[in-house]
Amino acid sequence: MKILVTGGLGFIGSNFILHALRNPKLRITNIDAGLPGSNVQNLKQVKNNARYRYIKGNITNKKLVDKLASDIDAIVNFAAESHVDRSISDPQPFIDSNIYGTYTLLEAVRRHRKKLIQISTDEVFGSLKSANATERYPYNPSSPYAASKAAAENLVNSYFITYDSDVITTRCTNNYGPRQSPEKLIPKTILLAEQNKKIPIYGTGKNIRDWIFVQDHCDAIFRVLFEGKRGESYNISANNEADNLKIVKKILKIMEKSENLIEFTSDRPGHDFRYSLNSNKIRRKLSWRPIHKFEDGLEQTIEWYQQNKEWRRHIKNEAFTIPWKTR
């Protein structure tokens, strides 16, 4: 089977490709534009693998996407601008990549009759006080990022209804694990704590997210790719809800660092209080279950960042800044 992975130099995309290449029957083409969030070091270990090829390019390039789609069986679309803070500072790249880029992929899928797995987010449902959003929950995005992903989901669904395209959407909660950019909470905390630098936390730190180890997410995507029903959507979650302050304190405890490193900062505009997904559908219909306990996955993540010094050398200082404050 030939799979076109978009955004494969990113956090989840690179972990997906490494997972895929364990199967000798799979061949992977990775198209990635090298935008913020991409890191060539993520797939350095497979660059000479005969079943893997990397093409630097943007999914908004219709001619390139069409050419690549003609020679594959399925597309898994990880390519997205995904950092909420940057979407507050400048929404334009999110509209370009997340909406127009998805449209470009859909046109190629429609023309060549291929399968598309659209990777989306729990943020399309907005902040929830107590409920767990099912696949039928109404969209209520708060940030330009979340709104662009909700728009992309609607496009995907329209191509199923109008053109009978073979498309499926997955939504996932917050991922953590190796190869994640330090723009995100967990790697930022690990790397700053190791240097005994202050760790910024928005507001009171009581905003709640549901966390899943990236490998469990990749397993779920594969289950959907091979067994999912066209036109459907599947929520993916591991039921590990915790507030940001609790996560940071857990990391500091594992690393034997002082909680005095915590520094509270002004809250982010439109900061959603809580995201939560109901993943009963994928568990029941496709027999998927996460296998990593949160604490075990967190320890593995910390160990990976501590051991991979070469990967860290390529991190830019801008990754530790708050874009909407530094514009």
Protein backbone atom coordinates (compact mmCIF):
# COMPACT_ATOMS: atom_id res chain seq x y z
CA MET A 1 0.00 0.00 0.00
CA LYS A 2 1.26 3.48 -0.91
CA ILE A 3 0.43 6.28 1.53
CA LEU A 4 0.93 10.00 0.99
CA VAL A 5 1.54 11.63 4.36
CA THR A 6 1.22 15.40 4.42
CA GLY A 7 3.07 17.32 7.13
CA GLY A 8 5.22 14.32 7.90
CA LEU A 9 8.08 16.34 9.40
CA GLY A 10 5.81 17.52 12.19
CA PHE A 11 5.25 15.95 15.58
CA ILE A 12 2.38 13.54 14.95
CA GLY A 13 3.13 13.04 11.26
CA SER A 14 6.71 11.92 11.90
CA ASN A 15 5.65 9.51 14.62
CA PHE A 16 3.02 8.12 12.23
CA ILE A 17 5.62 7.57 9.49
CA LEU A 18 8.03 5.81 11.84
CA HIS A 19 5.17 3.59 12.95
CA ALA A 20 4.11 2.90 9.35
CA LEU A 21 7.57 1.89 8.18
CA ARG A 22 7.57 -1.01 10.61
CA ASN A 23 5.16 -2.65 8.19
CA PRO A 24 7.16 -3.92 5.17
CA LYS A 25 4.06 -3.72 2.97
CA LEU A 26 3.75 0.06 3.31
CA ARG A 27 5.50 2.70 1.20
CA ILE A 28 5.44 6.30 2.39
CA THR A 29 5.73 9.56 0.48
CA ASN A 30 6.03 12.57 2.76
CA ILE A 31 5.23 16.07 1.54
CA ASP A 32 6.12 18.83 3.97
CA ALA A 33 6.69 22.55 3.38
CA GLY A 34 9.14 22.95 6.24
CA LEU A 35 7.02 25.58 8.01
CA PRO A 36 7.08 26.21 11.79
CA GLY A 37 6.43 22.92 13.57
CA SER A 38 8.37 20.88 10.99
CA ASN A 39 11.79 19.47 11.89
CA VAL A 40 13.97 17.49 9.45
CA GLN A 41 15.58 15.82 12.47
CA ASN A 42 12.31 14.02 13.19
CA LEU A 43 12.85 11.57 10.32
CA LYS A 44 16.63 11.64 9.99
CA GLN A 45 16.81 7.95 10.88
CA VAL A 46 14.73 6.86 7.85
CA LYS A 47 15.99 9.20 5.13
CA ASN A 48 17.78 6.30 3.40
CA ASN A 49 14.90 3.85 3.75
CA ALA A 50 13.94 2.54 0.29
CA ARG A 51 10.25 2.61 1.22
CA TYR A 52 10.32 6.28 2.22
CA ARG A 53 10.74 9.46 0.20
CA TYR A 54 10.51 13.09 1.21
CA ILE A 55 9.33 15.89 -1.06
CA LYS A 56 9.59 19.49 0.08
CA GLY A 57 6.38 21.13 -1.00
CA ASN A 58 3.18 22.77 0.14
CA ILE A 59 -0.25 21.12 0.02
CA THR A 60 -1.59 24.35 -1.46
CA ASN A 61 0.36 23.51 -4.65
CA LYS A 62 -2.43 21.94 -6.73
CA LYS A 63 -0.18 20.69 -9.52
CA LEU A 64 2.22 18.95 -7.15
CA VAL A 65 -0.54 17.43 -5.02
CA ASP A 66 -2.37 16.15 -8.08
CA LYS A 67 0.78 14.49 -9.40
CA LEU A 68 1.52 12.80 -6.08
CA ALA A 69 -2.08 11.67 -5.60
CA SER A 70 -2.08 9.85 -8.93
CA ASP A 71 0.40 7.26 -7.65
CA ILE A 72 -0.79 6.46 -4.12
CA ASP A 73 -3.66 4.64 -2.45
CA ALA A 74 -4.45 6.95 0.43
CA ILE A 75 -3.62 10.35 1.92
CA VAL A 76 -3.28 11.01 5.64
CA ASN A 77 -3.42 14.78 6.13
CA PHE A 78 -1.40 15.97 9.12
CA ALA A 79 -0.34 19.17 7.35
CA ALA A 80 -1.69 22.10 9.32
CA GLU A 81 -0.74 25.27 11.08
CA SER A 82 -1.62 24.19 14.60
CA HIS A 83 -0.21 26.60 17.19
CA VAL A 84 -3.11 28.57 18.68
CA ASP A 85 -0.90 31.44 19.87
CA ARG A 86 0.41 32.01 16.35
CA SER A 87 -3.14 31.93 14.95
CA ILE A 88 -3.96 34.82 17.30
CA SER A 89 -0.95 36.76 16.07
CA ASP A 90 -1.55 36.07 12.36
CA PRO A 91 -4.54 33.97 11.17
CA GLN A 92 -3.63 34.10 7.45
CA PRO A 93 -1.29 31.03 7.34
CA PHE A 94 -3.98 29.01 9.09
CA ILE A 95 -6.56 29.89 6.46
CA ASP A 96 -4.10 29.07 3.68
CA SER A 97 -2.88 25.72 5.00
CA ASN A 98 -5.82 24.37 6.96
CA ILE A 99 -8.64 25.38 4.62
CA TYR A 100 -7.21 25.90 1.15
CA GLY A 101 -4.67 23.10 1.63
CA THR A 102 -7.45 20.68 2.58
CA TYR A 103 -9.46 21.77 -0.45
CA THR A 104 -6.47 21.02 -2.69
CA LEU A 105 -6.16 17.52 -1.26
CA LEU A 106 -9.89 16.91 -1.65
CA GLU A 107 -9.78 17.89 -5.31
CA ALA A 108 -6.94 15.43 -5.90
CA VAL A 109 -8.80 12.69 -4.02
CA ARG A 110 -11.96 13.37 -6.05
CA ARG A 111 -10.13 13.30 -9.38
CA HIS A 112 -8.09 10.16 -8.73
CA ARG A 113 -10.64 8.33 -6.53
CA LYS A 114 -8.31 7.92 -3.55
CA LYS A 115 -8.92 7.76 0.21
CA LEU A 116 -8.33 10.71 2.54
CA ILE A 117 -7.95 10.62 6.32
CA GLN A 118 -8.35 14.18 7.62
CA ILE A 119 -6.64 14.73 10.98
CA SER A 120 -8.60 17.25 13.03
CA THR A 121 -8.80 18.41 16.65
CA ASP A 122 -11.02 18.50 19.72
CA GLU A 123 -10.78 22.31 19.56
CA VAL A 124 -13.46 22.47 16.84
CA PHE A 125 -16.06 21.92 19.60
CA GLY A 126 -14.80 24.78 21.75
CA SER A 127 -14.76 24.96 25.53
CA LEU A 128 -16.96 22.49 27.42
CA LYS A 129 -18.06 22.96 31.02
CA SER A 130 -18.78 19.31 31.81
CA ALA A 131 -19.82 17.35 28.71
CA ASN A 132 -17.71 15.07 26.53
CA ALA A 133 -18.20 15.94 22.87
CA THR A 134 -19.42 13.10 20.67
CA GLU A 135 -18.97 13.06 16.90
CA ARG A 136 -22.35 14.80 16.53
CA TYR A 137 -21.57 17.66 18.90
CA PRO A 138 -22.00 21.16 17.33
CA TYR A 139 -18.93 23.13 16.28
CA ASN A 140 -18.08 26.11 18.48
CA PRO A 141 -14.45 27.08 17.72
CA SER A 142 -12.88 29.94 19.67
CA SER A 143 -9.54 30.61 17.95
CA PRO A 144 -8.69 31.24 14.29
CA TYR A 145 -6.85 27.89 14.38
CA ALA A 146 -9.89 25.97 15.63
CA ALA A 147 -12.18 27.78 13.19
CA SER A 148 -9.94 26.84 10.26
CA LYS A 149 -10.00 23.17 11.31
CA ALA A 150 -13.79 23.22 11.67
CA ALA A 151 -14.07 24.72 8.19
CA ALA A 152 -11.82 21.98 6.84
CA GLU A 153 -14.03 19.33 8.44
CA ASN A 154 -17.06 20.81 6.72
CA LEU A 155 -15.25 20.74 3.39
CA VAL A 156 -14.35 17.08 3.88
CA ASN A 157 -17.93 16.18 4.73
CA SER A 158 -19.24 18.08 1.71
CA TYR A 159 -17.01 16.07 -0.63
CA PHE A 160 -18.46 12.85 0.78
CA ILE A 161 -22.04 14.05 0.35
CA THR A 162 -21.62 15.75 -3.02
CA TYR A 163 -19.00 13.57 -4.75
CA ASP A 164 -19.13 10.32 -2.73
CA SER A 165 -15.41 10.78 -1.99
CA ASP A 166 -13.74 8.20 0.24
CA VAL A 167 -13.03 10.50 3.18
CA ILE A 168 -12.88 10.07 6.95
CA THR A 169 -12.19 12.62 9.69
CA THR A 170 -10.48 11.90 13.00
CA ARG A 171 -10.38 14.29 15.95
CA CYS A 172 -7.94 13.90 18.80
CA THR A 173 -7.25 15.43 22.17
CA ASN A 174 -3.88 16.90 23.22
CA ASN A 175 -0.95 14.73 22.14
CA TYR A 176 2.35 14.40 23.96
CA GLY A 177 5.49 12.37 23.31
CA PRO A 178 8.81 12.47 21.42
CA ARG A 179 9.50 15.01 18.64
CA GLN A 180 6.98 17.61 19.73
CA SER A 181 7.92 21.26 19.21
CA PRO A 182 8.73 23.24 22.39
CA GLU A 183 5.97 25.64 21.38
CA LYS A 184 3.77 23.16 23.23
CA LEU A 185 3.33 22.87 27.02
CA ILE A 186 5.00 19.55 27.83
CA PRO A 187 8.23 19.84 25.80
CA LYS A 188 8.56 23.52 26.71
CA THR A 189 8.30 22.61 30.40
CA ILE A 190 10.84 19.80 30.08
CA LEU A 191 13.44 21.85 28.22
CA LEU A 192 13.07 24.97 30.37
CA ALA A 193 13.12 22.97 33.60
CA GLU A 194 16.30 21.21 32.56
CA GLN A 195 17.95 24.63 32.20
CA ASN A 196 16.42 25.85 35.49
CA LYS A 197 14.59 28.60 33.59
CA LYS A 198 11.18 30.02 34.41
CA ILE A 199 8.20 28.09 33.00
CA PRO A 200 5.35 30.37 31.87
CA ILE A 201 1.78 29.29 32.62
CA TYR A 202 -1.22 31.18 31.30
CA GLY A 203 -3.63 32.65 33.84
CA THR A 204 -4.17 30.39 36.85
CA GLY A 205 -3.05 27.24 35.06
CA LYS A 206 -6.43 25.63 35.66
CA ASN A 207 -7.34 25.15 31.99
CA ILE A 208 -8.09 21.46 31.42
CA ARG A 209 -6.98 19.25 28.54
CA ASP A 210 -7.28 15.51 27.87
CA TRP A 211 -3.86 13.98 27.07
CA ILE A 212 -2.96 11.05 24.84
CA PHE A 213 0.44 9.53 24.08
CA VAL A 214 1.25 10.12 20.41
CA GLN A 215 1.81 6.42 19.72
CA ASP A 216 -1.73 5.62 20.84
CA HIS A 217 -3.03 8.31 18.49
CA CYS A 218 -1.06 6.81 15.60
CA ASP A 219 -2.48 3.37 16.35
CA ALA A 220 -5.98 4.83 16.21
CA ILE A 221 -5.32 6.50 12.85
CA PHE A 222 -4.13 3.19 11.40
CA ARG A 223 -7.27 1.50 12.68
CA VAL A 224 -9.37 4.16 10.94
CA LEU A 225 -7.28 3.98 7.75
CA PHE A 226 -7.81 0.24 7.33
CA GLU A 227 -11.16 -0.34 9.04
CA GLY A 228 -12.97 3.00 9.22
CA LYS A 229 -16.19 3.66 7.32
CA ARG A 230 -16.13 6.27 4.55
CA GLY A 231 -17.95 9.48 5.34
CA GLU A 232 -17.66 8.93 9.08
CA SER A 233 -15.76 10.79 11.78
CA TYR A 234 -14.06 9.29 14.84
CA ASN A 235 -13.09 10.94 18.12
CA ILE A 236 -9.84 9.75 19.72
CA SER A 237 -9.14 10.25 23.42
CA ALA A 238 -7.49 8.51 26.37
CA ASN A 239 -9.50 9.96 29.30
CA ASN A 240 -6.50 11.66 30.94
CA GLU A 241 -7.97 15.03 31.86
CA ALA A 242 -5.70 17.33 33.85
CA ASP A 243 -5.16 21.06 34.20
CA ASN A 244 -2.00 22.69 32.91
CA LEU A 245 -0.63 23.46 36.37
CA LYS A 246 -0.96 19.81 37.39
CA ILE A 247 0.91 18.70 34.25
CA VAL A 248 3.78 21.09 34.91
CA LYS A 249 4.04 20.01 38.53
CA LYS A 250 4.13 16.35 37.47
CA ILE A 251 7.02 17.04 35.11
CA LEU A 252 8.94 19.01 37.75
CA LYS A 253 8.47 16.19 40.25
CA ILE A 254 9.76 13.54 37.82
CA MET A 255 12.74 15.76 36.94
CA GLU A 256 13.34 16.59 40.61
CA LYS A 257 13.03 20.31 39.96
CA SER A 258 11.57 23.03 42.20
CA GLU A 259 8.05 24.34 41.66
CA ASN A 260 9.58 27.80 42.12
CA LEU A 261 10.36 27.64 38.39
CA ILE A 262 6.65 28.16 37.68
CA GLU A 263 5.80 31.69 36.54
CA PHE A 264 2.21 32.73 35.92
CA THR A 265 1.62 35.07 32.99
CA SER A 266 -1.38 36.92 31.57
CA ASP A 267 -3.94 34.64 29.99
CA ARG A 268 -4.23 34.03 26.26
CA PRO A 269 -7.06 35.86 24.41
CA GLY A 270 -10.07 33.56 24.02
CA HIS A 271 -8.40 30.82 26.06
CA ASP A 272 -10.79 27.84 26.22
CA PHE A 273 -11.19 26.40 29.70
CA ARG A 274 -11.70 22.72 28.90
CA TYR A 275 -11.68 20.33 25.92
CA SER A 276 -13.01 16.79 26.15
CA LEU A 277 -13.94 14.09 23.63
CA ASN A 278 -16.14 11.03 23.90
CA SER A 279 -14.29 8.25 22.04
CA ASN A 280 -16.82 5.46 22.60
CA LYS A 281 -17.46 5.16 18.86
CA ILE A 282 -13.93 4.17 17.81
CA ARG A 283 -13.60 1.93 20.85
CA ARG A 284 -16.85 0.15 20.06
CA LYS A 285 -16.84 0.11 16.25
CA LEU A 286 -13.10 -0.41 15.61
CA SER A 287 -12.02 -2.06 18.88
CA TRP A 288 -9.34 0.55 19.57
CA ARG A 289 -7.98 1.26 23.03
CA PRO A 290 -5.04 3.41 24.23
CA ILE A 291 -2.35 1.28 25.89
CA HIS A 292 -0.07 3.87 27.51
CA LYS A 293 -0.71 5.08 31.04
CA PHE A 294 -0.25 8.83 31.28
CA GLU A 295 2.52 8.75 33.89
CA ASP A 296 4.47 6.10 31.95
CA GLY A 297 4.17 8.05 28.73
CA LEU A 298 5.26 11.23 30.47
CA GLU A 299 8.38 9.56 31.85
CA GLN A 300 9.20 8.17 28.38
CA THR A 301 8.76 11.65 26.91
CA ILE A 302 11.06 13.30 29.44
CA GLU A 303 13.68 10.62 28.88
CA TRP A 304 13.51 11.10 25.09
CA TYR A 305 14.13 14.84 25.29
CA GLN A 306 16.99 14.35 27.72
CA GLN A 307 18.68 11.77 25.50
CA ASN A 308 18.24 13.46 22.12
CA LYS A 309 20.66 16.38 22.34
CA GLU A 310 21.18 16.52 18.56
CA TRP A 311 17.45 17.00 17.93
CA ARG A 312 17.39 19.85 20.42
CA ARG A 313 20.26 21.70 18.77
CA HIS A 314 17.97 22.65 15.89
CA ILE A 315 15.34 24.32 18.07
CA LYS A 316 15.04 28.05 17.51
CA ASN A 317 14.68 30.44 20.46
CA GLU A 318 11.43 31.71 18.96
CA ALA A 319 9.82 28.40 19.91
CA PHE A 320 9.87 29.49 23.56
CA THR A 321 8.21 32.87 22.98
CA ILE A 322 4.53 33.82 23.10
CA PRO A 323 3.75 35.03 19.53
CA TRP A 324 0.71 37.18 20.28
CA LYS A 325 2.74 39.04 22.93
CA THR A 326 5.83 39.58 20.78
CA ARG A 327 4.17 40.74 17.58
